[in-house]
Amino acid sequence: MNTGQGRIGAYSLVAPAFLVTLSLAGAWWGFPANVRLLRATAIVTAWAGTGLLVGGLALMVREPRWAALMGGLDLMYEWHHRSGVIGYTLLLCHPLVLGMAALEESPHAAWLAIAPWHLNWPEWLGWFGLLFLMAGLATTFSRRIGYRRWRVCHFLAAIGVIGGLSHIFALLDEPGASLGFMALAAMALIWRLLATDSALTSHPFRVTQVASNAAGVVEASLAPCGGALVIAPGQFVLAAFVDGPAYRGCGEFHPFSVSRIGPGGALSVAIKALGPCTSRIQSLKPGALVRLQGPFGRFLADNEDRPQLWIAGGIGITPFMAAIRSGEMPKATTTLIYVFRDESDGAFLDELKDRARLSPGFELIAQACGESPPDVLAMLSRVTDLPKRQVQICGPVGLVNAVTTTLRELGQPVQSIHYESFDFR
């Protein structure tokens, strides 16, 4: 499960501005004097691509304050992927343009300029980096690879960046900017591998209760073993369920929205069986250790004093449950459209029905759609004063896309639409 938020604001520009700054800084420092146009172009594309790739490494650092500065973890990861693709494309242009520059002398010179077996070891480092980048990025576009294998393969791209930086360092008499790029890349990799992936910056919690809320869904109640997390309704955490007296966890960090915020730092997360690790968590027992990272996200943070429309699909009901249970409901009327396959798949459905019956300002529209896509237009037609509503959507990508498209076609202001979806890779 992954969360992603649609937002408009200055923070959404920080990540691309950071990447452009690094790319332009590399191109400016590496711009050669008294060199023919094609060769100069080859050098500039290499430096610009290197800046983007190093920036992409920095954008894979999962640290709450850094993620908030970059516009959120979801937006940060989007730009991480984009910088990898664009940076790789620029680096791929580097040897090709070098060959074109040598072609002005002769076809043989062009071949010697790009054929790896005619080059020295510093040039080999460049080809080494390019091939590893190619392998690492190829896994990004494959949905058939399991998460564990994808994660390992994706680190090949990081090895490729190291190879490219080593190529630059070995070729230049004055390394200059390459040292800055190498330092930034090293800090990003060390933080990610040691602090994040090795859980050194995580917060230990203990499972106190496990309840089944729907078919293939459990809600785990967690209590802090030390310091508590400061968390708001709508946010999510990355959780790694480890071992306990009667449970053996997979130890992988996965994102889960918080479904309840209790006293003393206690909280609950809802987990749907979507893969091998989350399926194993369905057998979770009290006493198991959990490591949490976060919190992340700003979903539901823009609750204004205007009528609300909440739309949830499946396990996407989770962040709304945190808001409902915390008592931090908007002062204005709130309508919740909850879409699920059938009643056995509707997590927290009975609790929501009770809430709607007891709360005059809260309306529930529960929609069982079976295996067919929901009729979004028909659902929205049941909502009164739709143009005046602040819309919050959480669910699978298909539902989010269908709802946002329909809302825009109906003339809903873009700035009033906020969403959270599940697509982590």
Protein backbone atom coordinates (compact mmCIF):
# COMPACT_ATOMS: atom_id res chain seq x y z
CA MET A 1 0.00 0.00 0.00
CA ASN A 2 1.26 3.45 -0.77
CA THR A 3 -0.08 6.88 -0.17
CA GLY A 4 -0.01 9.75 -2.54
CA GLN A 5 -1.61 13.13 -2.23
CA GLY A 6 -2.76 15.64 -4.79
CA ARG A 7 -1.92 19.12 -3.57
CA ILE A 8 -1.30 22.61 -4.82
CA GLY A 9 1.16 24.90 -3.08
CA ALA A 10 4.70 26.16 -2.82
CA TYR A 11 6.00 22.93 -1.26
CA SER A 12 5.06 20.99 -4.40
CA LEU A 13 7.76 22.97 -6.25
CA VAL A 14 10.61 22.33 -3.79
CA ALA A 15 11.61 18.88 -5.09
CA PRO A 16 11.77 19.87 -8.80
CA ALA A 17 13.57 23.11 -7.88
CA PHE A 18 16.12 21.08 -5.89
CA LEU A 19 16.73 18.77 -8.86
CA VAL A 20 16.98 21.59 -11.41
CA THR A 21 19.45 23.44 -9.17
CA LEU A 22 21.75 20.41 -8.92
CA SER A 23 21.50 19.74 -12.65
CA LEU A 24 22.26 23.34 -13.63
CA ALA A 25 25.07 23.55 -11.07
CA GLY A 26 26.73 20.51 -12.62
CA ALA A 27 26.26 21.82 -16.16
CA TRP A 28 27.61 25.25 -15.22
CA TRP A 29 30.69 23.87 -13.48
CA GLY A 30 31.44 21.35 -16.23
CA PHE A 31 30.84 23.71 -19.16
CA PRO A 32 34.07 23.55 -21.19
CA ALA A 33 35.79 26.52 -22.79
CA ASN A 34 37.26 26.51 -26.30
CA VAL A 35 35.65 23.19 -27.21
CA ARG A 36 33.60 22.41 -30.29
CA LEU A 37 29.83 22.50 -29.93
CA LEU A 38 29.13 18.75 -30.08
CA ARG A 39 31.84 17.84 -27.59
CA ALA A 40 30.70 20.64 -25.27
CA THR A 41 27.15 19.33 -25.54
CA ALA A 42 28.30 15.83 -24.60
CA ILE A 43 30.08 17.15 -21.50
CA VAL A 44 27.15 19.33 -20.42
CA THR A 45 24.61 16.50 -20.79
CA ALA A 46 26.80 14.27 -18.63
CA TRP A 47 27.03 16.83 -15.84
CA ALA A 48 23.34 17.73 -16.03
CA GLY A 49 22.35 14.06 -15.88
CA THR A 50 24.71 13.43 -12.98
CA GLY A 51 23.15 16.29 -11.01
CA LEU A 52 19.69 14.82 -11.54
CA LEU A 53 20.76 11.33 -10.49
CA VAL A 54 22.49 12.55 -7.34
CA GLY A 55 19.40 14.60 -6.51
CA GLY A 56 17.32 11.48 -7.08
CA LEU A 57 19.40 9.63 -4.48
CA ALA A 58 18.69 12.41 -1.98
CA LEU A 59 14.97 12.08 -2.73
CA MET A 60 14.90 8.44 -1.64
CA VAL A 61 15.80 9.38 1.95
CA ARG A 62 12.78 8.60 4.16
CA GLU A 63 12.95 11.20 6.90
CA PRO A 64 9.72 12.95 7.99
CA ARG A 65 11.02 16.54 8.06
CA TRP A 66 12.91 16.13 4.78
CA ALA A 67 9.84 14.57 3.16
CA ALA A 68 7.61 17.40 4.40
CA LEU A 69 10.04 19.98 2.98
CA MET A 70 9.98 18.20 -0.39
CA GLY A 71 6.17 18.32 -0.52
CA GLY A 72 5.46 14.90 0.98
CA LEU A 73 6.86 11.39 0.62
CA ASP A 74 4.62 10.61 -2.34
CA LEU A 75 5.65 13.69 -4.31
CA MET A 76 9.28 13.15 -3.34
CA TYR A 77 9.18 9.60 -4.72
CA GLU A 78 7.51 10.78 -7.93
CA TRP A 79 10.39 13.18 -8.55
CA HIS A 80 12.87 10.48 -7.54
CA HIS A 81 11.56 8.34 -10.41
CA ARG A 82 11.41 11.24 -12.87
CA SER A 83 14.94 12.38 -12.09
CA GLY A 84 16.20 8.83 -12.63
CA VAL A 85 14.60 8.53 -16.06
CA ILE A 86 15.61 12.01 -17.26
CA GLY A 87 19.11 11.75 -15.78
CA TYR A 88 19.66 8.34 -17.40
CA THR A 89 18.49 9.72 -20.76
CA LEU A 90 20.95 12.62 -20.52
CA LEU A 91 23.79 10.25 -19.61
CA LEU A 92 22.88 7.99 -22.52
CA CYS A 93 23.25 11.00 -24.82
CA HIS A 94 26.79 11.58 -23.52
CA PRO A 95 28.63 8.76 -25.40
CA LEU A 96 26.38 9.16 -28.44
CA VAL A 97 27.18 12.85 -28.80
CA LEU A 98 30.87 12.12 -28.18
CA GLY A 99 30.71 9.71 -31.11
CA MET A 100 28.99 12.34 -33.26
CA ALA A 101 31.71 14.83 -32.36
CA ALA A 102 34.43 12.36 -33.37
CA LEU A 103 32.55 11.64 -36.59
CA GLU A 104 33.61 15.08 -37.81
CA GLU A 105 37.12 13.63 -37.98
CA SER A 106 36.28 10.17 -39.40
CA PRO A 107 33.92 7.20 -38.88
CA HIS A 108 36.83 5.23 -37.42
CA ALA A 109 37.47 7.96 -34.84
CA ALA A 110 33.78 7.94 -33.94
CA TRP A 111 33.88 4.18 -33.37
CA LEU A 112 36.99 4.44 -31.21
CA ALA A 113 35.27 7.13 -29.11
CA ILE A 114 32.38 4.91 -28.03
CA ALA A 115 33.50 1.26 -28.35
CA PRO A 116 34.20 0.10 -24.76
CA TRP A 117 36.99 -2.34 -25.70
CA HIS A 118 39.02 0.53 -27.17
CA LEU A 119 38.79 2.65 -24.01
CA ASN A 120 40.76 2.93 -20.77
CA TRP A 121 39.55 1.97 -17.30
CA PRO A 122 38.10 5.43 -16.45
CA GLU A 123 35.86 5.18 -19.52
CA TRP A 124 34.99 1.63 -18.52
CA LEU A 125 33.72 3.00 -15.20
CA GLY A 126 31.34 5.21 -17.17
CA TRP A 127 29.97 2.28 -19.18
CA PHE A 128 29.76 0.21 -16.01
CA GLY A 129 27.65 2.93 -14.39
CA LEU A 130 25.42 3.29 -17.45
CA LEU A 131 24.70 -0.45 -17.63
CA PHE A 132 23.85 -0.66 -13.94
CA LEU A 133 21.57 2.35 -14.30
CA MET A 134 19.84 0.63 -17.19
CA ALA A 135 19.31 -2.55 -15.15
CA GLY A 136 18.10 -0.67 -12.08
CA LEU A 137 15.67 1.53 -13.98
CA ALA A 138 14.31 -1.41 -15.99
CA THR A 139 12.91 -2.91 -12.79
CA THR A 140 11.07 0.34 -12.05
CA PHE A 141 8.74 -0.22 -15.00
CA SER A 142 8.08 -3.91 -14.27
CA ARG A 143 4.98 -4.68 -12.20
CA ARG A 144 5.56 -8.44 -12.40
CA ILE A 145 8.60 -8.38 -10.12
CA GLY A 146 7.82 -9.01 -6.45
CA TYR A 147 8.48 -6.18 -4.01
CA ARG A 148 11.54 -7.78 -2.37
CA ARG A 149 13.24 -8.58 -5.67
CA TRP A 150 12.26 -5.18 -7.08
CA ARG A 151 13.79 -3.43 -4.07
CA VAL A 152 17.12 -5.25 -4.43
CA CYS A 153 17.25 -4.71 -8.19
CA HIS A 154 16.40 -1.04 -7.81
CA PHE A 155 19.59 -0.51 -5.83
CA LEU A 156 21.51 -1.40 -9.00
CA ALA A 157 20.70 2.14 -10.13
CA ALA A 158 22.49 3.50 -7.05
CA ILE A 159 25.55 1.41 -7.94
CA GLY A 160 25.31 2.92 -11.42
CA VAL A 161 25.43 6.44 -9.98
CA ILE A 162 28.52 5.51 -7.96
CA GLY A 163 30.13 4.15 -11.13
CA GLY A 164 29.36 7.38 -13.00
CA LEU A 165 30.79 9.56 -10.24
CA SER A 166 33.93 7.40 -10.12
CA HIS A 167 34.23 7.84 -13.90
CA ILE A 168 34.17 11.64 -13.51
CA PHE A 169 36.61 11.61 -10.59
CA ALA A 170 39.10 9.43 -12.47
CA LEU A 171 39.01 11.56 -15.62
CA LEU A 172 39.32 15.05 -14.14
CA ASP A 173 42.55 16.62 -12.93
CA GLU A 174 40.48 18.93 -10.71
CA PRO A 175 37.48 16.94 -9.43
CA GLY A 176 35.72 20.09 -8.15
CA ALA A 177 31.95 19.63 -8.33
CA SER A 178 32.28 15.86 -8.50
CA LEU A 179 33.43 15.87 -4.86
CA GLY A 180 30.27 17.72 -3.83
CA PHE A 181 28.11 15.29 -5.78
CA MET A 182 29.99 12.33 -4.30
CA ALA A 183 29.52 13.68 -0.77
CA LEU A 184 25.78 14.20 -1.29
CA ALA A 185 25.37 10.74 -2.85
CA ALA A 186 27.33 9.13 -0.01
CA MET A 187 25.23 10.86 2.67
CA ALA A 188 21.99 9.84 0.96
CA LEU A 189 23.04 6.20 0.59
CA ILE A 190 24.41 5.95 4.14
CA TRP A 191 21.24 7.46 5.60
CA ARG A 192 18.99 5.22 3.53
CA LEU A 193 20.90 1.99 4.17
CA LEU A 194 21.93 2.47 7.79
CA ALA A 195 19.39 4.84 9.31
CA THR A 196 16.24 3.91 7.35
CA ASP A 197 16.53 0.35 6.04
CA SER A 198 18.37 -0.86 9.15
CA ALA A 199 15.70 0.80 11.32
CA LEU A 200 18.16 2.86 13.39
CA THR A 201 15.82 5.87 13.24
CA SER A 202 12.62 3.88 13.83
CA HIS A 203 10.41 4.02 16.92
CA PRO A 204 9.75 0.72 18.76
CA PHE A 205 6.11 -0.18 19.45
CA ARG A 206 4.46 -3.32 20.80
CA VAL A 207 1.26 -4.94 19.50
CA THR A 208 -1.37 -4.88 22.25
CA GLN A 209 -4.46 -6.07 20.38
CA VAL A 210 -5.41 -7.49 16.97
CA ALA A 211 -8.95 -7.38 15.59
CA SER A 212 -10.38 -8.61 12.30
CA ASN A 213 -12.49 -5.90 10.66
CA ALA A 214 -13.28 -7.44 7.27
CA ALA A 215 -12.21 -10.25 4.97
CA GLY A 216 -8.42 -10.06 4.72
CA VAL A 217 -8.17 -7.00 6.98
CA VAL A 218 -6.85 -6.74 10.54
CA GLU A 219 -6.50 -3.72 12.79
CA ALA A 220 -3.43 -3.78 15.03
CA SER A 221 -3.37 -1.65 18.18
CA LEU A 222 0.14 -0.48 19.05
CA ALA A 223 1.67 1.00 22.20
CA PRO A 224 5.02 2.85 22.26
CA CYS A 225 7.95 1.20 23.99
CA GLY A 226 9.64 4.58 24.34
CA GLY A 227 8.83 7.98 22.94
CA ALA A 228 5.49 8.49 21.20
CA LEU A 229 4.95 9.78 17.68
CA VAL A 230 3.22 13.12 17.16
CA ILE A 231 0.66 12.13 14.56
CA ALA A 232 -2.49 13.65 13.09
CA PRO A 233 -5.56 12.00 11.51
CA GLY A 234 -4.93 11.28 7.84
CA GLN A 235 -1.21 10.58 8.23
CA PHE A 236 0.51 7.25 7.65
CA VAL A 237 3.51 5.44 9.05
CA LEU A 238 5.97 2.93 7.66
CA ALA A 239 5.78 -0.17 9.84
CA ALA A 240 7.99 -3.26 10.06
CA PHE A 241 6.40 -6.07 12.08
CA VAL A 242 9.17 -8.09 13.68
CA ASP A 243 9.00 -11.13 15.97
CA GLY A 244 6.92 -11.81 19.05
CA PRO A 245 6.09 -14.69 21.42
CA ALA A 246 3.62 -16.21 18.93
CA TYR A 247 4.43 -14.42 15.69
CA ARG A 248 7.33 -14.27 13.26
CA GLY A 249 7.26 -11.15 11.09
CA CYS A 250 8.83 -10.41 7.74
CA GLY A 251 10.59 -7.27 9.02
CA GLU A 252 9.90 -5.22 5.88
CA PHE A 253 8.74 -1.62 6.10
CA HIS A 254 5.34 -1.06 4.49
CA PRO A 255 3.13 2.06 4.62
CA PHE A 256 -0.10 1.90 6.62
CA SER A 257 -2.56 4.68 7.35
CA VAL A 258 -3.34 5.24 11.01
CA SER A 259 -6.91 4.22 11.89
CA ARG A 260 -6.95 5.39 15.51
CA ILE A 261 -4.93 7.79 17.66
CA GLY A 262 -5.18 6.90 21.34
CA PRO A 263 -3.89 8.37 24.61
CA GLY A 264 -0.28 8.04 25.66
CA GLY A 265 1.01 7.67 22.12
CA ALA A 266 -1.03 4.54 21.36
CA LEU A 267 -2.26 4.16 17.80
CA SER A 268 -3.83 1.61 15.47
CA VAL A 269 -3.19 0.70 11.85
CA ALA A 270 -5.41 -1.26 9.48
CA ILE A 271 -3.66 -3.84 7.27
CA LYS A 272 -5.13 -5.49 4.19
CA ALA A 273 -3.60 -8.66 2.74
CA LEU A 274 -2.16 -7.40 -0.55
CA GLY A 275 1.10 -9.36 -0.76
CA PRO A 276 3.25 -11.97 1.01
CA CYS A 277 4.23 -9.72 3.92
CA THR A 278 0.80 -8.17 4.56
CA SER A 279 -0.77 -11.63 4.23
CA ARG A 280 1.53 -12.91 6.97
CA ILE A 281 0.50 -9.97 9.17
CA GLN A 282 -3.08 -11.31 9.14
CA SER A 283 -1.88 -13.90 11.69
CA LEU A 284 -0.37 -11.20 13.93
CA LYS A 285 -0.54 -11.79 17.69
CA PRO A 286 -0.27 -9.40 20.66
CA GLY A 287 3.25 -9.00 21.98
CA ALA A 288 4.97 -8.69 18.60
CA LEU A 289 7.49 -5.88 18.19
CA VAL A 290 6.81 -3.22 15.56
CA ARG A 291 9.19 -0.55 14.30
CA LEU A 292 7.59 2.63 12.99
CA GLN A 293 8.97 5.42 10.82
CA GLY A 294 7.14 8.65 10.26
CA PRO A 295 4.61 10.10 10.39
CA PHE A 296 4.21 11.13 6.75
CA GLY A 297 1.55 12.85 4.67
CA ARG A 298 -0.86 15.78 4.91
CA PHE A 299 -4.09 14.04 3.95
CA LEU A 300 -7.08 15.64 5.74
CA ALA A 301 -4.81 18.48 6.88
CA ASP A 302 -6.76 20.97 4.75
CA ASN A 303 -10.10 20.42 6.46
CA GLU A 304 -11.70 23.83 6.13
CA ASP A 305 -14.94 24.96 7.72
CA ARG A 306 -16.87 24.06 4.59
CA PRO A 307 -19.00 21.01 3.80
CA GLN A 308 -16.88 17.91 3.28
CA LEU A 309 -17.18 15.03 0.83
CA TRP A 310 -15.09 12.03 1.78
CA ILE A 311 -14.78 9.19 -0.74
CA ALA A 312 -13.16 5.91 0.33
CA GLY A 313 -12.53 2.70 -1.57
CA GLY A 314 -11.83 -0.54 0.34
CA ILE A 315 -9.02 -0.15 2.85
CA GLY A 316 -8.94 3.54 1.88
CA ILE A 317 -11.45 4.07 4.67
CA THR A 318 -8.58 3.92 7.20
CA PRO A 319 -7.48 7.59 7.40
CA PHE A 320 -11.10 8.71 7.66
CA MET A 321 -11.58 6.37 10.63
CA ALA A 322 -8.75 8.14 12.46
CA ALA A 323 -10.50 11.50 11.98
CA ILE A 324 -13.93 10.14 12.97
CA ARG A 325 -12.64 8.38 16.09
CA SER A 326 -10.48 11.30 17.22
CA GLY A 327 -13.45 13.64 17.32
CA GLU A 328 -11.67 16.04 14.95
CA MET A 329 -14.53 16.05 12.47
CA PRO A 330 -15.12 19.19 10.41
CA LYS A 331 -17.68 21.55 11.89
CA ALA A 332 -19.64 21.57 8.65
CA THR A 333 -21.69 18.71 7.21
CA THR A 334 -19.64 15.68 6.15
CA THR A 335 -20.78 13.08 3.62
CA LEU A 336 -18.79 9.84 3.36
CA ILE A 337 -19.13 7.68 0.24
CA TYR A 338 -17.69 4.26 1.05
CA VAL A 339 -17.20 1.84 -1.87
CA PHE A 340 -16.44 -1.87 -1.33
CA ARG A 341 -17.03 -5.21 -3.09
CA ASP A 342 -19.55 -6.63 -0.61
CA GLU A 343 -20.40 -6.21 3.06
CA SER A 344 -17.80 -8.78 4.13
CA ASP A 345 -15.20 -6.55 2.45
CA GLY A 346 -16.40 -3.35 4.14
CA ALA A 347 -13.98 -2.70 7.00
CA PHE A 348 -15.47 -0.71 9.92
CA LEU A 349 -18.88 -0.71 8.19
CA ASP A 350 -20.94 -1.40 11.32
CA GLU A 351 -19.07 1.28 13.25
CA LEU A 352 -19.68 3.79 10.46
CA LYS A 353 -23.40 2.98 10.35
CA ASP A 354 -23.64 3.57 14.11
CA ARG A 355 -21.77 6.86 13.76
CA ALA A 356 -24.08 8.05 10.97
CA ARG A 357 -27.14 7.15 13.03
CA LEU A 358 -25.91 9.07 16.09
CA SER A 359 -24.28 12.09 14.39
CA PRO A 360 -26.68 14.50 12.62
CA GLY A 361 -23.87 16.21 10.69
CA PHE A 362 -22.43 12.96 9.33
CA GLU A 363 -23.97 11.16 6.34
CA LEU A 364 -22.86 7.71 5.13
CA ILE A 365 -23.43 6.47 1.58
CA ALA A 366 -22.27 2.83 1.56
CA GLN A 367 -22.00 1.30 -1.90
CA ALA A 368 -21.34 -2.41 -2.57
CA CYS A 369 -20.28 -2.68 -6.21
CA GLY A 370 -19.18 -6.32 -6.47
CA GLU A 371 -16.50 -6.94 -9.09
CA SER A 372 -17.76 -4.13 -11.36
CA PRO A 373 -16.33 -0.60 -11.28
CA PRO A 374 -18.55 1.78 -9.30
CA ASP A 375 -20.84 4.19 -11.14
CA VAL A 376 -19.03 7.33 -10.03
CA LEU A 377 -21.44 9.77 -11.65
CA ALA A 378 -24.43 8.12 -9.98
CA MET A 379 -22.69 8.21 -6.59
CA LEU A 380 -21.81 11.89 -6.89
CA SER A 381 -25.35 12.75 -7.96
CA ARG A 382 -26.51 11.74 -4.47
CA VAL A 383 -24.38 14.47 -2.86
CA THR A 384 -26.08 17.79 -2.19
CA ASP A 385 -24.24 21.08 -2.84
CA LEU A 386 -21.33 19.28 -4.50
CA PRO A 387 -19.59 22.46 -5.84
CA LYS A 388 -19.37 23.81 -2.27
CA ARG A 389 -17.70 20.68 -0.92
CA GLN A 390 -14.09 20.10 0.02
CA VAL A 391 -13.41 16.65 -1.50
CA GLN A 392 -11.04 14.10 0.09
CA ILE A 393 -10.50 10.80 -1.77
CA CYS A 394 -8.64 7.71 -0.59
CA GLY A 395 -8.53 4.37 -2.35
CA PRO A 396 -7.07 2.38 -5.23
CA VAL A 397 -5.58 4.29 -8.14
CA GLY A 398 -8.44 3.34 -10.47
CA LEU A 399 -11.06 4.78 -8.13
CA VAL A 400 -9.06 7.95 -7.48
CA ASN A 401 -8.58 8.56 -11.20
CA ALA A 402 -12.25 7.91 -12.00
CA VAL A 403 -13.50 10.20 -9.24
CA THR A 404 -11.09 13.06 -9.94
CA THR A 405 -11.84 12.92 -13.68
CA THR A 406 -15.59 12.98 -13.09
CA LEU A 407 -15.33 15.81 -10.57
CA ARG A 408 -13.38 17.95 -13.03
CA GLU A 409 -15.90 17.20 -15.77
CA LEU A 410 -18.63 18.38 -13.39
CA GLY A 411 -16.75 21.64 -12.83
CA GLN A 412 -15.48 20.97 -9.31
CA PRO A 413 -12.66 23.44 -8.48
CA VAL A 414 -9.31 21.66 -8.71
CA GLN A 415 -8.04 23.25 -5.50
CA SER A 416 -10.90 21.63 -3.55
CA ILE A 417 -9.89 18.07 -4.57
CA HIS A 418 -7.39 16.19 -2.41
CA TYR A 419 -6.58 12.52 -2.73
CA GLU A 420 -4.64 9.62 -1.32
CA SER A 421 -4.03 6.47 -3.38
CA PHE A 422 -2.21 3.13 -3.13
CA ASP A 423 0.76 2.82 -5.49
CA PHE A 424 4.05 2.72 -3.64
CA ARG A 425 6.54 1.77 -6.34
